[in-house]
Amino acid sequence: MQRRRYLAAVGSLAAAGAAGLGTGAFTTAEANRDVAVDVAADSQGFVELTAENDTYAAENDDGQVEINFNEESDVGIFDGDAQGLTPDSTYNFAGVFQIANVAGLGDMRFVVERQGFDVDVELTASGDEALDIPGGTSLVAADYDDVDDIPKLVQPDACLVDMTITTGESATEGAGGTLVIHAATGGNRDKLSDVL
C-alpha cells in the first residue's frame, strides 16, 4: 500500500512540474504550404482595369491595358493619317479606361501616379460610373496630402477615367510615360501615403 501512495505522489509531482513549465511550448516550428498565384489579365485582376475607349485604349497580348495617343490610335481616314497630339494644345478624352473594385474585399482607395511624361496629364473621374466619386474628382496621387481624401470605390463599384493632355510648345515626339495605379483596401489606406 505504501508503494502505491509513493508512486501516486511522484506522478502528481511530475504532472505539476510539467504544468509549471508550460506543456506544448516550442521554440521554433516550420511548416511548408503550397502557394498558388495566378497572374490574370488587367480585366480579371483583383483591381480590374479595362480599356473603355477602344480608339485610344486596348488590352495587349499580355492582358495589360495600353493607352496610345499616337499612330496606333487608328484615328484618321487612312492608316497613318493621325500621328499624335499637336504642340501647345489641350486635348480631352472621355472614359478612356476603367478601374473597378471587384475583389470582394470591401472598400478600396486608389490613386494614379504619373511617371516620365513630357506633357501634362490630368486624370479625373468621369462621373458616369462611380457611386462615391463625383465627376471631375482628381485621381492623381500628387493632388492629395491625406489618405482619407483619396477617392474611394465601394465594392462592387467602378470608376471611368477621363484624361486631359496638355502639350507644351517644346513637346517632344515621344512625350508619353507610365501610369501607376496604387490601391489599398479601406483599413490599409495609410500605406498609400508613400505615393502622395
Protein backbone atom coordinates (compact mmCIF):
# COMPACT_ATOMS: atom_id res chain seq x y z
CA MET A 1 0.00 0.00 0.00
CA GLN A 2 2.81 2.38 0.81
CA ARG A 3 4.35 1.74 -2.55
CA ARG A 4 1.15 2.74 -4.38
CA ARG A 5 0.90 6.01 -2.44
CA TYR A 6 4.54 6.77 -3.22
CA LEU A 7 4.04 6.20 -6.99
CA ALA A 8 0.86 8.31 -6.98
CA ALA A 9 2.70 11.13 -5.19
CA VAL A 10 5.61 11.01 -7.66
CA GLY A 11 3.17 11.00 -10.59
CA SER A 12 1.35 14.04 -9.17
CA LEU A 13 4.64 15.91 -8.72
CA ALA A 14 5.67 15.14 -12.30
CA ALA A 15 2.33 16.41 -13.65
CA ALA A 16 2.55 19.59 -11.55
CA GLY A 17 6.11 20.19 -12.78
CA ALA A 18 5.06 19.80 -16.40
CA ALA A 19 2.16 22.24 -15.92
CA GLY A 20 4.54 24.76 -14.37
CA LEU A 21 6.86 24.55 -17.37
CA GLY A 22 4.01 25.11 -19.86
CA THR A 23 3.23 21.98 -21.79
CA GLY A 24 3.01 22.30 -25.55
CA ALA A 25 5.51 25.18 -25.76
CA PHE A 26 8.06 25.23 -28.58
CA THR A 27 10.95 27.44 -29.56
CA THR A 28 10.83 27.03 -33.34
CA ALA A 29 8.50 25.48 -35.88
CA GLU A 30 8.48 25.04 -39.62
CA ALA A 31 5.52 24.22 -41.84
CA ASN A 32 5.58 24.14 -45.63
CA ARG A 33 2.46 25.14 -47.57
CA ASP A 34 1.83 25.43 -51.28
CA VAL A 35 1.01 28.94 -52.51
CA ALA A 36 -0.89 29.33 -55.75
CA VAL A 37 -0.61 32.68 -57.51
CA ASP A 38 -2.30 33.24 -60.84
CA VAL A 39 -1.37 36.28 -62.87
CA ALA A 40 -4.53 37.44 -64.60
CA ALA A 41 -5.20 39.93 -67.34
CA ASP A 42 -5.89 43.51 -66.19
CA SER A 43 -9.58 42.93 -66.88
CA GLN A 44 -9.64 39.96 -64.47
CA GLY A 45 -7.44 41.16 -61.60
CA PHE A 46 -8.40 41.96 -58.02
CA VAL A 47 -8.19 45.61 -59.12
CA GLU A 48 -9.79 45.35 -62.53
CA LEU A 49 -8.52 47.61 -65.34
CA THR A 50 -10.40 47.66 -68.61
CA ALA A 51 -9.97 49.61 -71.84
CA GLU A 52 -13.18 51.55 -72.48
CA ASN A 53 -12.43 53.94 -75.35
CA ASP A 54 -11.25 51.49 -78.00
CA THR A 55 -9.81 54.25 -80.17
CA TYR A 56 -7.11 55.01 -77.58
CA ALA A 57 -7.10 52.09 -75.14
CA ALA A 58 -6.79 48.36 -75.73
CA GLU A 59 -5.66 45.20 -73.99
CA ASN A 60 -2.35 43.92 -75.40
CA ASP A 61 -1.34 40.28 -75.92
CA ASP A 62 -0.16 40.09 -72.28
CA GLY A 63 -3.58 41.19 -71.00
CA GLN A 64 -2.34 44.66 -69.97
CA VAL A 65 -4.22 47.83 -70.81
CA GLU A 66 -2.22 50.10 -73.14
CA ILE A 67 -3.16 53.69 -73.89
CA ASN A 68 -1.97 55.19 -77.17
CA PHE A 69 -2.30 58.72 -78.43
CA ASN A 70 -0.12 58.12 -81.49
CA GLU A 71 -0.34 56.49 -84.93
CA GLU A 72 -1.56 53.27 -83.25
CA SER A 73 -4.80 55.05 -82.29
CA ASP A 74 -6.30 54.38 -85.74
CA VAL A 75 -7.54 57.95 -85.95
CA GLY A 76 -7.96 59.29 -89.48
CA ILE A 77 -9.47 58.25 -92.76
CA PHE A 78 -6.41 56.33 -93.92
CA ASP A 79 -3.83 54.38 -91.95
CA GLY A 80 -1.20 56.70 -90.56
CA ASP A 81 -3.20 59.90 -91.10
CA ALA A 82 -3.07 60.98 -87.45
CA GLN A 83 0.36 60.66 -85.85
CA GLY A 84 -0.30 62.16 -82.41
CA LEU A 85 -1.17 65.30 -80.47
CA THR A 86 -0.12 68.74 -81.71
CA PRO A 87 2.19 71.05 -79.73
CA ASP A 88 0.86 73.78 -77.45
CA SER A 89 -2.62 72.22 -77.27
CA THR A 90 -5.04 70.70 -74.78
CA TYR A 91 -6.94 67.51 -75.57
CA ASN A 92 -9.77 65.98 -73.54
CA PHE A 93 -10.53 62.26 -73.79
CA ALA A 94 -13.65 60.88 -72.07
CA GLY A 95 -13.89 57.44 -70.48
CA VAL A 96 -10.52 56.14 -71.70
CA PHE A 97 -10.23 53.27 -69.20
CA GLN A 98 -11.98 51.97 -66.11
CA ILE A 99 -10.77 50.99 -62.64
CA ALA A 100 -13.07 48.60 -60.78
CA ASN A 101 -13.20 47.14 -57.27
CA VAL A 102 -14.36 43.57 -57.81
CA ALA A 103 -12.23 41.56 -55.37
CA GLY A 104 -14.86 41.32 -52.64
CA LEU A 105 -12.50 42.83 -50.04
CA GLY A 106 -14.66 45.85 -49.14
CA ASP A 107 -13.97 49.50 -49.91
CA MET A 108 -10.84 50.38 -51.87
CA ARG A 109 -8.93 53.67 -52.07
CA PHE A 110 -6.93 54.34 -55.22
CA VAL A 111 -4.81 57.00 -56.89
CA VAL A 112 -2.77 57.14 -60.08
CA GLU A 113 0.89 58.14 -60.15
CA ARG A 114 2.28 59.69 -63.35
CA GLN A 115 5.85 58.79 -64.28
CA GLY A 116 8.10 60.07 -67.07
CA PHE A 117 5.71 62.27 -69.06
CA ASP A 118 6.94 65.26 -71.09
CA VAL A 119 3.36 66.54 -71.30
CA ASP A 120 0.86 67.41 -68.57
CA VAL A 121 -1.55 64.53 -67.96
CA GLU A 122 -4.60 65.01 -65.75
CA LEU A 123 -6.83 62.10 -64.75
CA THR A 124 -10.32 62.66 -63.40
CA ALA A 125 -13.38 60.56 -62.62
CA SER A 126 -15.94 60.81 -65.41
CA GLY A 127 -18.92 60.72 -63.08
CA ASP A 128 -20.74 58.12 -65.16
CA GLU A 129 -19.97 55.05 -63.06
CA ALA A 130 -18.63 55.51 -59.52
CA LEU A 131 -21.14 55.73 -56.70
CA ASP A 132 -18.95 57.67 -54.24
CA ILE A 133 -16.63 59.57 -56.62
CA PRO A 134 -18.19 62.67 -58.19
CA GLY A 135 -17.37 63.52 -61.79
CA GLY A 136 -14.31 65.75 -62.13
CA THR A 137 -12.61 64.37 -58.99
CA SER A 138 -8.84 64.20 -59.48
CA LEU A 139 -7.38 60.70 -59.48
CA VAL A 140 -3.76 61.91 -59.48
CA ALA A 141 -1.72 60.98 -56.40
CA ALA A 142 0.15 64.31 -56.38
CA ASP A 143 -3.13 66.15 -55.76
CA TYR A 144 -3.59 64.59 -52.30
CA ASP A 145 -1.93 65.16 -48.91
CA ASP A 146 -4.18 62.99 -46.74
CA VAL A 147 -5.03 59.33 -47.37
CA ASP A 148 -8.55 59.92 -46.05
CA ASP A 149 -9.21 62.25 -49.00
CA ILE A 150 -8.16 59.71 -51.66
CA PRO A 151 -11.05 58.57 -53.89
CA LYS A 152 -12.88 55.50 -52.63
CA LEU A 153 -14.57 52.75 -54.58
CA VAL A 154 -17.10 50.75 -52.61
CA GLN A 155 -17.36 47.09 -53.56
CA PRO A 156 -18.56 46.42 -56.21
CA ASP A 157 -18.02 49.74 -57.94
CA ALA A 158 -16.12 51.15 -60.89
CA CYS A 159 -14.70 54.49 -62.00
CA LEU A 160 -14.36 55.59 -65.62
CA VAL A 161 -11.23 57.70 -66.10
CA ASP A 162 -11.17 60.83 -68.26
CA MET A 163 -7.79 62.10 -69.47
CA THR A 164 -6.75 65.66 -70.30
CA ILE A 165 -3.38 66.06 -72.00
CA THR A 166 -1.74 69.45 -72.42
CA THR A 167 1.28 69.64 -74.69
CA GLY A 168 3.82 72.44 -74.41
CA GLU A 169 5.49 74.36 -77.21
CA SER A 170 8.58 72.19 -76.93
CA ALA A 171 6.83 68.82 -76.51
CA THR A 172 8.91 66.02 -77.98
CA GLU A 173 7.73 63.23 -80.25
CA GLY A 174 7.98 60.58 -77.50
CA ALA A 175 6.25 62.53 -74.73
CA GLY A 176 4.48 59.57 -73.13
CA GLY A 177 5.12 57.89 -69.82
CA THR A 178 3.68 55.39 -67.38
CA LEU A 179 0.57 55.45 -65.21
CA VAL A 180 0.94 53.51 -61.95
CA ILE A 181 -2.32 52.69 -60.19
CA HIS A 182 -1.97 52.37 -56.41
CA ALA A 183 -4.84 50.78 -54.49
CA ALA A 184 -5.43 49.71 -50.90
CA THR A 185 -8.39 48.29 -49.04
CA GLY A 186 -10.04 50.74 -46.65
CA GLY A 187 -8.22 49.62 -43.50
CA ASN A 188 -4.86 49.74 -45.28
CA ARG A 189 -5.21 53.19 -46.87
CA ASP A 190 -2.30 54.55 -44.76
CA LYS A 191 0.04 52.50 -46.94
CA LEU A 192 -0.79 54.86 -49.82
CA SER A 193 0.86 57.80 -48.01
CA ASP A 194 4.19 56.90 -49.67
CA VAL A 195 2.88 57.91 -53.11
CA LEU A 196 1.20 61.18 -52.11
